[in-house]
Amino acid sequence: MSSTYNNRFKRYYDTNIQDEDFKQKKRHSSYKSSAKTFVNRYATVDELEELAELIQENLKKRY
């Protein structure tokens, strides 16, 4: 069963790898995953507070 899934995934990935939106989504997903790992495992309280401040500043600039 897993080989069937892997083959299906490979076909899906091969057909979509040329699509720029797919690349962007994949990149965003990787960044998001890395950020979650950092926040959940490695970040200190000070780093999280700094991150929260940066997010607030960025939101103020946008809106």
C-alpha atoms as a PDB file:
ATOM      1  CA  MET A   1       0.000   0.000   0.000  1.00  0.00           C
ATOM      2  CA  SER A   2       2.760   2.445   0.824  1.00  0.00           C
ATOM      3  CA  SER A   3       4.414   1.889  -2.563  1.00  0.00           C
ATOM      4  CA  THR A   4       1.124   2.738  -4.273  1.00  0.00           C
ATOM      5  CA  TYR A   5       0.892   5.907  -2.229  1.00  0.00           C
ATOM      6  CA  ASN A   6       4.526   6.774  -2.967  1.00  0.00           C
ATOM      7  CA  ASN A   7       4.023   6.286  -6.706  1.00  0.00           C
ATOM      8  CA  ARG A   8       0.898   8.428  -6.660  1.00  0.00           C
ATOM      9  CA  PHE A   9       2.726  11.132  -4.721  1.00  0.00           C
ATOM     10  CA  LYS A  10       5.672  11.037  -7.146  1.00  0.00           C
ATOM     11  CA  ARG A  11       3.322  11.459 -10.122  1.00  0.00           C
ATOM     12  CA  TYR A  12       1.543  14.342  -8.401  1.00  0.00           C
ATOM     13  CA  TYR A  13       4.828  15.990  -7.458  1.00  0.00           C
ATOM     14  CA  ASP A  14       6.354  15.520 -10.929  1.00  0.00           C
ATOM     15  CA  THR A  15       3.345  17.079 -12.662  1.00  0.00           C
ATOM     16  CA  ASN A  16       3.115  20.011 -10.250  1.00  0.00           C
ATOM     17  CA  ILE A  17       6.789  20.797  -9.762  1.00  0.00           C
ATOM     18  CA  GLN A  18       6.706  23.027 -12.853  1.00  0.00           C
ATOM     19  CA  ASP A  19       3.801  25.044 -11.461  1.00  0.00           C
ATOM     20  CA  GLU A  20       5.050  28.236  -9.777  1.00  0.00           C
ATOM     21  CA  ASP A  21       2.127  28.306  -7.320  1.00  0.00           C
ATOM     22  CA  PHE A  22       2.950  24.755  -6.259  1.00  0.00           C
ATOM     23  CA  LYS A  23       6.582  25.740  -5.632  1.00  0.00           C
ATOM     24  CA  GLN A  24       5.469  28.728  -3.588  1.00  0.00           C
ATOM     25  CA  LYS A  25       3.069  26.622  -1.500  1.00  0.00           C
ATOM     26  CA  LYS A  26       5.748  24.002  -0.933  1.00  0.00           C
ATOM     27  CA  ARG A  27       8.254  26.672   0.118  1.00  0.00           C
ATOM     28  CA  HIS A  28       5.705  28.306   2.427  1.00  0.00           C
ATOM     29  CA  SER A  29       4.871  24.937   3.955  1.00  0.00           C
ATOM     30  CA  SER A  30       8.546  24.275   4.649  1.00  0.00           C
ATOM     31  CA  TYR A  31       9.018  27.680   6.273  1.00  0.00           C
ATOM     32  CA  LYS A  32       5.888  27.230   8.333  1.00  0.00           C
ATOM     33  CA  SER A  33       7.008  23.795   9.502  1.00  0.00           C
ATOM     34  CA  SER A  34      10.459  25.096  10.425  1.00  0.00           C
ATOM     35  CA  ALA A  35       8.934  27.990  12.340  1.00  0.00           C
ATOM     36  CA  LYS A  36       6.638  25.672  14.286  1.00  0.00           C
ATOM     37  CA  THR A  37       9.556  23.408  15.172  1.00  0.00           C
ATOM     38  CA  PHE A  38      11.605  26.377  16.358  1.00  0.00           C
ATOM     39  CA  VAL A  39       8.798  27.807  18.468  1.00  0.00           C
ATOM     40  CA  ASN A  40       7.771  24.475  19.961  1.00  0.00           C
ATOM     41  CA  ARG A  41      11.224  23.089  20.725  1.00  0.00           C
ATOM     42  CA  TYR A  42      13.953  25.666  20.833  1.00  0.00           C
ATOM     43  CA  ALA A  43      12.659  29.165  21.454  1.00  0.00           C
ATOM     44  CA  THR A  44      13.208  30.861  24.792  1.00  0.00           C
ATOM     45  CA  VAL A  45      10.671  33.195  26.360  1.00  0.00           C
ATOM     46  CA  ASP A  46      12.753  36.231  25.378  1.00  0.00           C
ATOM     47  CA  GLU A  47      12.914  35.075  21.766  1.00  0.00           C
ATOM     48  CA  LEU A  48       9.163  34.487  21.688  1.00  0.00           C
ATOM     49  CA  GLU A  49       8.522  37.968  23.085  1.00  0.00           C
ATOM     50  CA  GLU A  50      10.833  39.460  20.464  1.00  0.00           C
ATOM     51  CA  LEU A  51       9.045  37.482  17.761  1.00  0.00           C
ATOM     52  CA  ALA A  52       5.674  38.748  18.996  1.00  0.00           C
ATOM     53  CA  GLU A  53       6.949  42.341  18.843  1.00  0.00           C
ATOM     54  CA  LEU A  54       8.224  41.865  15.295  1.00  0.00           C
ATOM     55  CA  ILE A  55       4.883  40.422  14.218  1.00  0.00           C
ATOM     56  CA  GLN A  56       3.015  43.366  15.763  1.00  0.00           C
ATOM     57  CA  GLU A  57       5.284  45.862  13.999  1.00  0.00           C
ATOM     58  CA  ASN A  58       4.810  44.068  10.702  1.00  0.00           C
ATOM     59  CA  LEU A  59       1.028  44.057  11.104  1.00  0.00           C
ATOM     60  CA  LYS A  60       1.011  47.790  11.891  1.00  0.00           C
ATOM     61  CA  LYS A  61       2.980  48.480   8.712  1.00  0.00           C
ATOM     62  CA  ARG A  62       0.546  46.462   6.619  1.00  0.00           C
ATOM     63  CA  TYR A  63      -2.634  47.934   8.058  1.00  0.00           C
END
